[in-house]
Amino acid sequence: MERSQRAQGPQGRVPQLSLPRILVVAGLIDDGLPSERFLIAQRRPGDHLALQWEFPGGKVEPGEAPEEALHRELREELGIEVEVGDVFATGHDVCEKFEVIMLTYRCHWLSGEPVQKEVYAFRWIGLDELLQLPMPKPDRPVLERLRRENA
């Protein structure tokens, strides 16, 4: 057997080092108005992906259900309450130090005026503007589905 063949795993794939896998949740949050605006948040300076716009949310803690984590994160980050619906899209990214799997839920804003508690900024934006924003890789499947559904 050649040396290169021994280094490969099943189906000829080269084995990768195992990275910690992080489950995160985000909300595609609408304002409930006929114009249907969506809430986005900007990451803080110094954070991973600093100053990028994204759908708000965060990490799921051990033993926590994803829906519970989303409620908690939105209260902590923005001070809002939402109705969490179904998973709208899933995203994935491999970073230098970890792997991210993101579940984005369709949400309806219920109460609380958003405030900058743990985000640098936030905005309510319309669909046309949302579809033009550059967003982190795990958020992009949401944009892709919105484009398909609104084509």
C-alpha atoms as a PDB file:
ATOM      1  CA  MET A   1       0.000   0.000   0.000  1.00  0.00           C
ATOM      2  CA  GLU A   2       1.333   3.445  -0.878  1.00  0.00           C
ATOM      3  CA  ARG A   3       1.960   5.982   1.841  1.00  0.00           C
ATOM      4  CA  SER A   4      -0.761   8.382   0.550  1.00  0.00           C
ATOM      5  CA  GLN A   5      -3.355   5.604   0.654  1.00  0.00           C
ATOM      6  CA  ARG A   6      -2.548   4.783   4.301  1.00  0.00           C
ATOM      7  CA  ALA A   7      -3.060   8.421   5.292  1.00  0.00           C
ATOM      8  CA  GLN A   8      -6.586   8.450   3.930  1.00  0.00           C
ATOM      9  CA  GLY A   9      -9.662   7.453   5.863  1.00  0.00           C
ATOM     10  CA  PRO A  10     -12.848   5.738   4.612  1.00  0.00           C
ATOM     11  CA  GLN A  11     -13.919   6.624   1.051  1.00  0.00           C
ATOM     12  CA  GLY A  12     -10.500   8.179   0.413  1.00  0.00           C
ATOM     13  CA  ARG A  13     -11.084  11.179   2.688  1.00  0.00           C
ATOM     14  CA  VAL A  14      -8.163  12.553   4.628  1.00  0.00           C
ATOM     15  CA  PRO A  15      -9.078  12.478   8.341  1.00  0.00           C
ATOM     16  CA  GLN A  16      -9.452  15.915   9.917  1.00  0.00           C
ATOM     17  CA  LEU A  17      -8.532  16.879  13.440  1.00  0.00           C
ATOM     18  CA  SER A  18     -11.586  16.969  15.652  1.00  0.00           C
ATOM     19  CA  LEU A  19     -12.731  20.488  16.521  1.00  0.00           C
ATOM     20  CA  PRO A  20     -15.174  21.344  19.275  1.00  0.00           C
ATOM     21  CA  ARG A  21     -18.684  21.530  17.819  1.00  0.00           C
ATOM     22  CA  ILE A  22     -20.894  24.372  18.996  1.00  0.00           C
ATOM     23  CA  LEU A  23     -24.664  24.402  18.564  1.00  0.00           C
ATOM     24  CA  VAL A  24     -26.045  27.907  18.190  1.00  0.00           C
ATOM     25  CA  VAL A  25     -29.554  29.214  17.599  1.00  0.00           C
ATOM     26  CA  ALA A  26     -30.770  32.375  15.908  1.00  0.00           C
ATOM     27  CA  GLY A  27     -34.086  34.024  15.236  1.00  0.00           C
ATOM     28  CA  LEU A  28     -35.476  35.253  11.937  1.00  0.00           C
ATOM     29  CA  ILE A  29     -37.659  37.746  13.809  1.00  0.00           C
ATOM     30  CA  ASP A  30     -40.427  39.650  12.051  1.00  0.00           C
ATOM     31  CA  ASP A  31     -42.182  42.690  13.469  1.00  0.00           C
ATOM     32  CA  GLY A  32     -45.696  41.441  12.659  1.00  0.00           C
ATOM     33  CA  LEU A  33     -46.497  44.437  10.464  1.00  0.00           C
ATOM     34  CA  PRO A  34     -47.744  44.116   6.870  1.00  0.00           C
ATOM     35  CA  SER A  35     -44.446  45.573   5.625  1.00  0.00           C
ATOM     36  CA  GLU A  36     -42.660  42.699   7.432  1.00  0.00           C
ATOM     37  CA  ARG A  37     -39.374  43.996   8.704  1.00  0.00           C
ATOM     38  CA  PHE A  38     -36.742  41.730  10.267  1.00  0.00           C
ATOM     39  CA  LEU A  39     -34.533  42.295  13.297  1.00  0.00           C
ATOM     40  CA  ILE A  40     -30.783  41.970  12.804  1.00  0.00           C
ATOM     41  CA  ALA A  41     -27.952  42.541  15.266  1.00  0.00           C
ATOM     42  CA  GLN A  42     -24.374  43.693  14.855  1.00  0.00           C
ATOM     43  CA  ARG A  43     -21.631  41.831  16.705  1.00  0.00           C
ATOM     44  CA  ARG A  44     -19.520  43.802  19.176  1.00  0.00           C
ATOM     45  CA  PRO A  45     -15.957  44.925  18.455  1.00  0.00           C
ATOM     46  CA  GLY A  46     -13.522  42.325  19.759  1.00  0.00           C
ATOM     47  CA  ASP A  47     -15.988  39.443  19.291  1.00  0.00           C
ATOM     48  CA  HIS A  48     -15.484  36.668  16.749  1.00  0.00           C
ATOM     49  CA  LEU A  49     -16.749  38.124  13.423  1.00  0.00           C
ATOM     50  CA  ALA A  50     -16.647  41.611  14.962  1.00  0.00           C
ATOM     51  CA  LEU A  51     -19.122  44.195  13.606  1.00  0.00           C
ATOM     52  CA  GLN A  52     -20.821  41.786  11.197  1.00  0.00           C
ATOM     53  CA  TRP A  53     -24.608  41.852  10.954  1.00  0.00           C
ATOM     54  CA  GLU A  54     -26.362  38.606  11.806  1.00  0.00           C
ATOM     55  CA  PHE A  55     -29.617  37.126  12.999  1.00  0.00           C
ATOM     56  CA  PRO A  56     -29.655  37.480  16.799  1.00  0.00           C
ATOM     57  CA  GLY A  57     -29.165  34.464  19.032  1.00  0.00           C
ATOM     58  CA  GLY A  58     -26.345  32.538  20.641  1.00  0.00           C
ATOM     59  CA  LYS A  59     -24.959  29.311  22.044  1.00  0.00           C
ATOM     60  CA  VAL A  60     -27.081  26.479  23.368  1.00  0.00           C
ATOM     61  CA  GLU A  61     -25.883  25.568  26.863  1.00  0.00           C
ATOM     62  CA  PRO A  62     -25.482  21.901  27.935  1.00  0.00           C
ATOM     63  CA  GLY A  63     -28.861  20.428  28.872  1.00  0.00           C
ATOM     64  CA  GLU A  64     -30.766  23.347  27.328  1.00  0.00           C
ATOM     65  CA  ALA A  65     -33.331  22.863  24.564  1.00  0.00           C
ATOM     66  CA  PRO A  66     -32.590  24.971  21.465  1.00  0.00           C
ATOM     67  CA  GLU A  67     -35.899  26.851  21.732  1.00  0.00           C
ATOM     68  CA  GLU A  68     -35.196  27.668  25.407  1.00  0.00           C
ATOM     69  CA  ALA A  69     -31.716  28.891  24.459  1.00  0.00           C
ATOM     70  CA  LEU A  70     -33.182  31.214  21.826  1.00  0.00           C
ATOM     71  CA  HIS A  71     -35.639  32.725  24.318  1.00  0.00           C
ATOM     72  CA  ARG A  72     -32.790  33.224  26.826  1.00  0.00           C
ATOM     73  CA  GLU A  73     -30.360  34.698  24.303  1.00  0.00           C
ATOM     74  CA  LEU A  74     -32.888  37.189  22.927  1.00  0.00           C
ATOM     75  CA  ARG A  75     -33.755  38.365  26.452  1.00  0.00           C
ATOM     76  CA  GLU A  76     -30.042  38.688  27.337  1.00  0.00           C
ATOM     77  CA  GLU A  77     -28.921  40.345  24.096  1.00  0.00           C
ATOM     78  CA  LEU A  78     -31.884  42.557  23.196  1.00  0.00           C
ATOM     79  CA  GLY A  79     -34.422  42.422  26.038  1.00  0.00           C
ATOM     80  CA  ILE A  80     -37.217  41.043  23.848  1.00  0.00           C
ATOM     81  CA  GLU A  81     -39.722  38.209  23.989  1.00  0.00           C
ATOM     82  CA  VAL A  82     -40.630  36.234  20.873  1.00  0.00           C
ATOM     83  CA  GLU A  83     -42.841  33.391  19.804  1.00  0.00           C
ATOM     84  CA  VAL A  84     -40.466  30.718  18.491  1.00  0.00           C
ATOM     85  CA  GLY A  85     -41.774  28.859  15.458  1.00  0.00           C
ATOM     86  CA  ASP A  86     -40.259  26.130  13.320  1.00  0.00           C
ATOM     87  CA  VAL A  87     -36.668  25.818  12.186  1.00  0.00           C
ATOM     88  CA  PHE A  88     -36.415  27.974   9.058  1.00  0.00           C
ATOM     89  CA  ALA A  89     -32.866  27.051   7.993  1.00  0.00           C
ATOM     90  CA  THR A  90     -29.722  25.353   9.228  1.00  0.00           C
ATOM     91  CA  GLY A  91     -26.227  26.696   8.753  1.00  0.00           C
ATOM     92  CA  HIS A  92     -22.721  25.341   9.214  1.00  0.00           C
ATOM     93  CA  ASP A  93     -19.200  26.704   9.322  1.00  0.00           C
ATOM     94  CA  VAL A  94     -15.780  25.439  10.318  1.00  0.00           C
ATOM     95  CA  CYS A  95     -13.634  28.075  11.951  1.00  0.00           C
ATOM     96  CA  GLU A  96     -10.026  27.834  13.030  1.00  0.00           C
ATOM     97  CA  LYS A  97     -10.833  26.713  16.584  1.00  0.00           C
ATOM     98  CA  PHE A  98     -14.363  25.284  16.382  1.00  0.00           C
ATOM     99  CA  GLU A  99     -17.201  24.051  14.180  1.00  0.00           C
ATOM    100  CA  VAL A 100     -20.579  25.814  14.276  1.00  0.00           C
ATOM    101  CA  ILE A 101     -23.985  24.304  13.575  1.00  0.00           C
ATOM    102  CA  MET A 102     -26.744  26.907  13.610  1.00  0.00           C
ATOM    103  CA  LEU A 103     -30.489  26.413  13.756  1.00  0.00           C
ATOM    104  CA  THR A 104     -32.403  29.529  12.708  1.00  0.00           C
ATOM    105  CA  TYR A 105     -36.013  29.609  13.849  1.00  0.00           C
ATOM    106  CA  ARG A 106     -38.799  31.706  12.379  1.00  0.00           C
ATOM    107  CA  CYS A 107     -39.914  34.008  15.213  1.00  0.00           C
ATOM    108  CA  HIS A 108     -42.604  36.580  15.802  1.00  0.00           C
ATOM    109  CA  TRP A 109     -41.769  39.548  18.047  1.00  0.00           C
ATOM    110  CA  LEU A 110     -44.151  39.674  21.021  1.00  0.00           C
ATOM    111  CA  SER A 111     -42.911  42.269  23.502  1.00  0.00           C
ATOM    112  CA  GLY A 112     -40.061  44.402  24.753  1.00  0.00           C
ATOM    113  CA  GLU A 113     -38.482  47.207  22.790  1.00  0.00           C
ATOM    114  CA  PRO A 114     -35.072  46.002  21.585  1.00  0.00           C
ATOM    115  CA  VAL A 115     -32.125  47.515  23.444  1.00  0.00           C
ATOM    116  CA  GLN A 116     -28.370  47.114  22.974  1.00  0.00           C
ATOM    117  CA  LYS A 117     -27.659  44.859  25.939  1.00  0.00           C
ATOM    118  CA  GLU A 118     -25.107  42.455  24.457  1.00  0.00           C
ATOM    119  CA  VAL A 119     -24.954  43.616  20.843  1.00  0.00           C
ATOM    120  CA  TYR A 120     -23.162  46.570  19.284  1.00  0.00           C
ATOM    121  CA  ALA A 121     -26.245  47.673  17.327  1.00  0.00           C
ATOM    122  CA  PHE A 122     -29.557  46.404  15.981  1.00  0.00           C
ATOM    123  CA  ARG A 123     -31.881  47.355  13.133  1.00  0.00           C
ATOM    124  CA  TRP A 124     -35.280  46.497  11.750  1.00  0.00           C
ATOM    125  CA  ILE A 125     -34.879  46.160   7.978  1.00  0.00           C
ATOM    126  CA  GLY A 126     -37.059  45.204   5.044  1.00  0.00           C
ATOM    127  CA  LEU A 127     -36.619  42.088   2.961  1.00  0.00           C
ATOM    128  CA  ASP A 128     -34.960  43.832   0.000  1.00  0.00           C
ATOM    129  CA  GLU A 129     -32.253  45.361   2.190  1.00  0.00           C
ATOM    130  CA  LEU A 130     -31.822  42.140   4.189  1.00  0.00           C
ATOM    131  CA  LEU A 131     -31.155  40.135   1.036  1.00  0.00           C
ATOM    132  CA  GLN A 132     -28.318  42.529   0.089  1.00  0.00           C
ATOM    133  CA  LEU A 133     -26.407  42.268   3.377  1.00  0.00           C
ATOM    134  CA  PRO A 134     -23.178  40.287   3.600  1.00  0.00           C
ATOM    135  CA  MET A 135     -23.672  37.928   6.531  1.00  0.00           C
ATOM    136  CA  PRO A 136     -21.605  35.208   8.225  1.00  0.00           C
ATOM    137  CA  LYS A 137     -21.661  31.804   6.556  1.00  0.00           C
ATOM    138  CA  PRO A 138     -24.055  30.143   9.074  1.00  0.00           C
ATOM    139  CA  ASP A 139     -26.661  32.887   8.376  1.00  0.00           C
ATOM    140  CA  ARG A 140     -26.535  32.563   4.589  1.00  0.00           C
ATOM    141  CA  PRO A 141     -28.972  29.617   4.234  1.00  0.00           C
ATOM    142  CA  VAL A 142     -31.661  31.912   5.685  1.00  0.00           C
ATOM    143  CA  LEU A 143     -31.000  34.476   2.953  1.00  0.00           C
ATOM    144  CA  GLU A 144     -30.975  31.749   0.293  1.00  0.00           C
ATOM    145  CA  ARG A 145     -34.371  30.421   1.400  1.00  0.00           C
ATOM    146  CA  LEU A 146     -35.840  33.924   1.587  1.00  0.00           C
ATOM    147  CA  ARG A 147     -34.612  34.604  -1.972  1.00  0.00           C
ATOM    148  CA  ARG A 148     -36.199  31.374  -3.248  1.00  0.00           C
ATOM    149  CA  GLU A 149     -39.499  32.012  -1.506  1.00  0.00           C
ATOM    150  CA  ASN A 150     -39.711  35.631  -2.656  1.00  0.00           C
ATOM    151  CA  ALA A 151     -38.484  35.228  -6.245  1.00  0.00           C
END
